[in-house]
Amino acid sequence: MTFVDGVANSFVANLINLEDADDKLKAEFDLDDVYYKSDLELVREGALFIWLIGKEFKLGTATNVAKLIFRRTPIVNEKDMQEAKKNAKIWAEFFNGL
């Protein structure tokens, strides 16, 4: 799922159906639905998250739960990017020479 737009205390996201890639859906979520409060800083355009829906069992009682967990991706700086491009070029030349 990908964050698209945020307004006030909610945001709209594109949903991906893993069983049907052509199934295009959007949903609006409340910021209160973000499971880890430290994830709130990750809620922005292009952010990836997982929407977990299920049942939680505690002391013999089942409760319906839904959790939004945002994906933390490493920050790539310019030096890392240049090194990756350099390595990609080396490997491309190697494979093109085969």
C-alpha atoms as a PDB file:
ATOM      1  CA  MET A   1       0.000   0.000   0.000  1.00  0.00           C
ATOM      2  CA  THR A   2       1.224   3.471  -0.800  1.00  0.00           C
ATOM      3  CA  PHE A   3       0.383   6.726   0.923  1.00  0.00           C
ATOM      4  CA  VAL A   4      -1.133   9.212  -1.540  1.00  0.00           C
ATOM      5  CA  ASP A   5      -2.502  12.253   0.260  1.00  0.00           C
ATOM      6  CA  GLY A   6      -2.954  13.470   3.816  1.00  0.00           C
ATOM      7  CA  VAL A   7      -5.590  15.805   5.198  1.00  0.00           C
ATOM      8  CA  ALA A   8      -5.955  16.822   8.877  1.00  0.00           C
ATOM      9  CA  ASN A   9      -6.016  13.607  10.945  1.00  0.00           C
ATOM     10  CA  SER A  10      -6.347  11.147   8.085  1.00  0.00           C
ATOM     11  CA  PHE A  11      -4.717  10.060   4.833  1.00  0.00           C
ATOM     12  CA  VAL A  12      -5.702   8.372   1.592  1.00  0.00           C
ATOM     13  CA  ALA A  13      -3.692   5.448   0.229  1.00  0.00           C
ATOM     14  CA  ASN A  14      -3.605   3.254  -2.865  1.00  0.00           C
ATOM     15  CA  LEU A  15      -4.204  -0.375  -1.931  1.00  0.00           C
ATOM     16  CA  ILE A  16      -2.587  -3.312  -3.689  1.00  0.00           C
ATOM     17  CA  ASN A  17      -4.501  -6.558  -3.946  1.00  0.00           C
ATOM     18  CA  LEU A  18      -1.824  -9.256  -3.898  1.00  0.00           C
ATOM     19  CA  GLU A  19      -4.204 -11.693  -5.594  1.00  0.00           C
ATOM     20  CA  ASP A  20      -5.265  -9.310  -8.415  1.00  0.00           C
ATOM     21  CA  ALA A  21      -2.814  -6.570  -9.464  1.00  0.00           C
ATOM     22  CA  ASP A  22      -5.476  -4.991 -11.708  1.00  0.00           C
ATOM     23  CA  ASP A  23      -7.742  -4.400  -8.715  1.00  0.00           C
ATOM     24  CA  LYS A  24      -7.229  -0.656  -8.038  1.00  0.00           C
ATOM     25  CA  LEU A  25      -8.522   0.512  -4.666  1.00  0.00           C
ATOM     26  CA  LYS A  26      -8.130   3.550  -2.423  1.00  0.00           C
ATOM     27  CA  ALA A  27      -8.881   3.840   1.272  1.00  0.00           C
ATOM     28  CA  GLU A  28      -8.878   6.583   3.847  1.00  0.00           C
ATOM     29  CA  PHE A  29      -7.214   5.873   7.184  1.00  0.00           C
ATOM     30  CA  ASP A  30      -7.237   7.745  10.464  1.00  0.00           C
ATOM     31  CA  LEU A  31      -3.819   8.657  11.850  1.00  0.00           C
ATOM     32  CA  ASP A  32      -4.984   7.004  15.077  1.00  0.00           C
ATOM     33  CA  ASP A  33      -4.892   3.689  13.150  1.00  0.00           C
ATOM     34  CA  VAL A  34      -1.087   3.886  12.793  1.00  0.00           C
ATOM     35  CA  TYR A  35       0.046   1.111  15.148  1.00  0.00           C
ATOM     36  CA  TYR A  36       3.464   2.421  16.201  1.00  0.00           C
ATOM     37  CA  LYS A  37       3.256   6.104  17.102  1.00  0.00           C
ATOM     38  CA  SER A  38       6.896   6.450  16.006  1.00  0.00           C
ATOM     39  CA  ASP A  39       5.628   5.627  12.484  1.00  0.00           C
ATOM     40  CA  LEU A  40       3.632   8.879  12.340  1.00  0.00           C
ATOM     41  CA  GLU A  41       6.729  10.707  11.071  1.00  0.00           C
ATOM     42  CA  LEU A  42       6.818   8.237   8.147  1.00  0.00           C
ATOM     43  CA  VAL A  43       3.293   9.110   6.970  1.00  0.00           C
ATOM     44  CA  ARG A  44       3.950  11.061   3.770  1.00  0.00           C
ATOM     45  CA  GLU A  45       3.502  10.766   0.013  1.00  0.00           C
ATOM     46  CA  GLY A  46       5.091   7.624  -1.415  1.00  0.00           C
ATOM     47  CA  ALA A  47       5.471   5.893   1.967  1.00  0.00           C
ATOM     48  CA  LEU A  48       4.895   2.140   1.992  1.00  0.00           C
ATOM     49  CA  PHE A  49       2.957   0.400   4.720  1.00  0.00           C
ATOM     50  CA  ILE A  50       1.290  -2.883   5.558  1.00  0.00           C
ATOM     51  CA  TRP A  51      -2.339  -3.099   6.640  1.00  0.00           C
ATOM     52  CA  LEU A  52      -2.700  -6.096   8.926  1.00  0.00           C
ATOM     53  CA  ILE A  53      -6.255  -7.267   9.535  1.00  0.00           C
ATOM     54  CA  GLY A  54      -7.144 -10.165  11.759  1.00  0.00           C
ATOM     55  CA  LYS A  55      -8.086 -11.441  15.169  1.00  0.00           C
ATOM     56  CA  GLU A  56      -6.077 -11.143  18.343  1.00  0.00           C
ATOM     57  CA  PHE A  57      -6.591 -13.710  21.087  1.00  0.00           C
ATOM     58  CA  LYS A  58      -5.941 -12.744  24.701  1.00  0.00           C
ATOM     59  CA  LEU A  59      -7.051 -14.774  27.681  1.00  0.00           C
ATOM     60  CA  GLY A  60      -9.560 -16.721  25.594  1.00  0.00           C
ATOM     61  CA  THR A  61     -11.137 -13.602  24.089  1.00  0.00           C
ATOM     62  CA  ALA A  62     -10.947 -12.841  20.365  1.00  0.00           C
ATOM     63  CA  THR A  63     -10.803  -9.214  19.252  1.00  0.00           C
ATOM     64  CA  ASN A  64     -10.849  -7.879  15.685  1.00  0.00           C
ATOM     65  CA  VAL A  65      -7.737  -5.814  15.020  1.00  0.00           C
ATOM     66  CA  ALA A  66      -6.345  -3.701  12.210  1.00  0.00           C
ATOM     67  CA  LYS A  67      -2.817  -2.313  12.292  1.00  0.00           C
ATOM     68  CA  LEU A  68      -0.995   0.039   9.916  1.00  0.00           C
ATOM     69  CA  ILE A  69       2.762  -0.516  10.033  1.00  0.00           C
ATOM     70  CA  PHE A  70       4.962   1.740   7.925  1.00  0.00           C
ATOM     71  CA  ARG A  71       8.069   0.455   6.220  1.00  0.00           C
ATOM     72  CA  ARG A  72      11.384   1.963   7.202  1.00  0.00           C
ATOM     73  CA  THR A  73      13.756   2.148   4.277  1.00  0.00           C
ATOM     74  CA  PRO A  74      17.405   3.145   4.509  1.00  0.00           C
ATOM     75  CA  ILE A  75      18.337   6.704   3.617  1.00  0.00           C
ATOM     76  CA  VAL A  76      20.669   6.767   0.627  1.00  0.00           C
ATOM     77  CA  ASN A  77      23.084   9.681   0.429  1.00  0.00           C
ATOM     78  CA  GLU A  78      24.840  11.002  -2.688  1.00  0.00           C
ATOM     79  CA  LYS A  79      28.089   9.106  -1.906  1.00  0.00           C
ATOM     80  CA  ASP A  80      26.207   5.792  -1.633  1.00  0.00           C
ATOM     81  CA  MET A  81      24.357   6.526  -4.871  1.00  0.00           C
ATOM     82  CA  GLN A  82      27.572   7.291  -6.783  1.00  0.00           C
ATOM     83  CA  GLU A  83      29.207   4.105  -5.495  1.00  0.00           C
ATOM     84  CA  ALA A  84      26.149   2.054  -6.487  1.00  0.00           C
ATOM     85  CA  LYS A  85      26.213   3.560  -9.993  1.00  0.00           C
ATOM     86  CA  LYS A  86      29.929   2.808 -10.282  1.00  0.00           C
ATOM     87  CA  ASN A  87      29.396  -0.816  -9.237  1.00  0.00           C
ATOM     88  CA  ALA A  88      26.417  -1.151 -11.588  1.00  0.00           C
ATOM     89  CA  LYS A  89      28.548   0.078 -14.479  1.00  0.00           C
ATOM     90  CA  ILE A  90      31.334  -2.414 -13.650  1.00  0.00           C
ATOM     91  CA  TRP A  91      28.845  -5.316 -13.502  1.00  0.00           C
ATOM     92  CA  ALA A  92      27.079  -4.196 -16.693  1.00  0.00           C
ATOM     93  CA  GLU A  93      30.398  -4.127 -18.562  1.00  0.00           C
ATOM     94  CA  PHE A  94      31.263  -7.546 -17.171  1.00  0.00           C
ATOM     95  CA  PHE A  95      27.959  -9.139 -18.233  1.00  0.00           C
ATOM     96  CA  ASN A  96      27.925  -7.403 -21.614  1.00  0.00           C
ATOM     97  CA  GLY A  97      31.342  -8.930 -22.304  1.00  0.00           C
ATOM     98  CA  LEU A  98      30.091 -12.479 -21.846  1.00  0.00           C
END
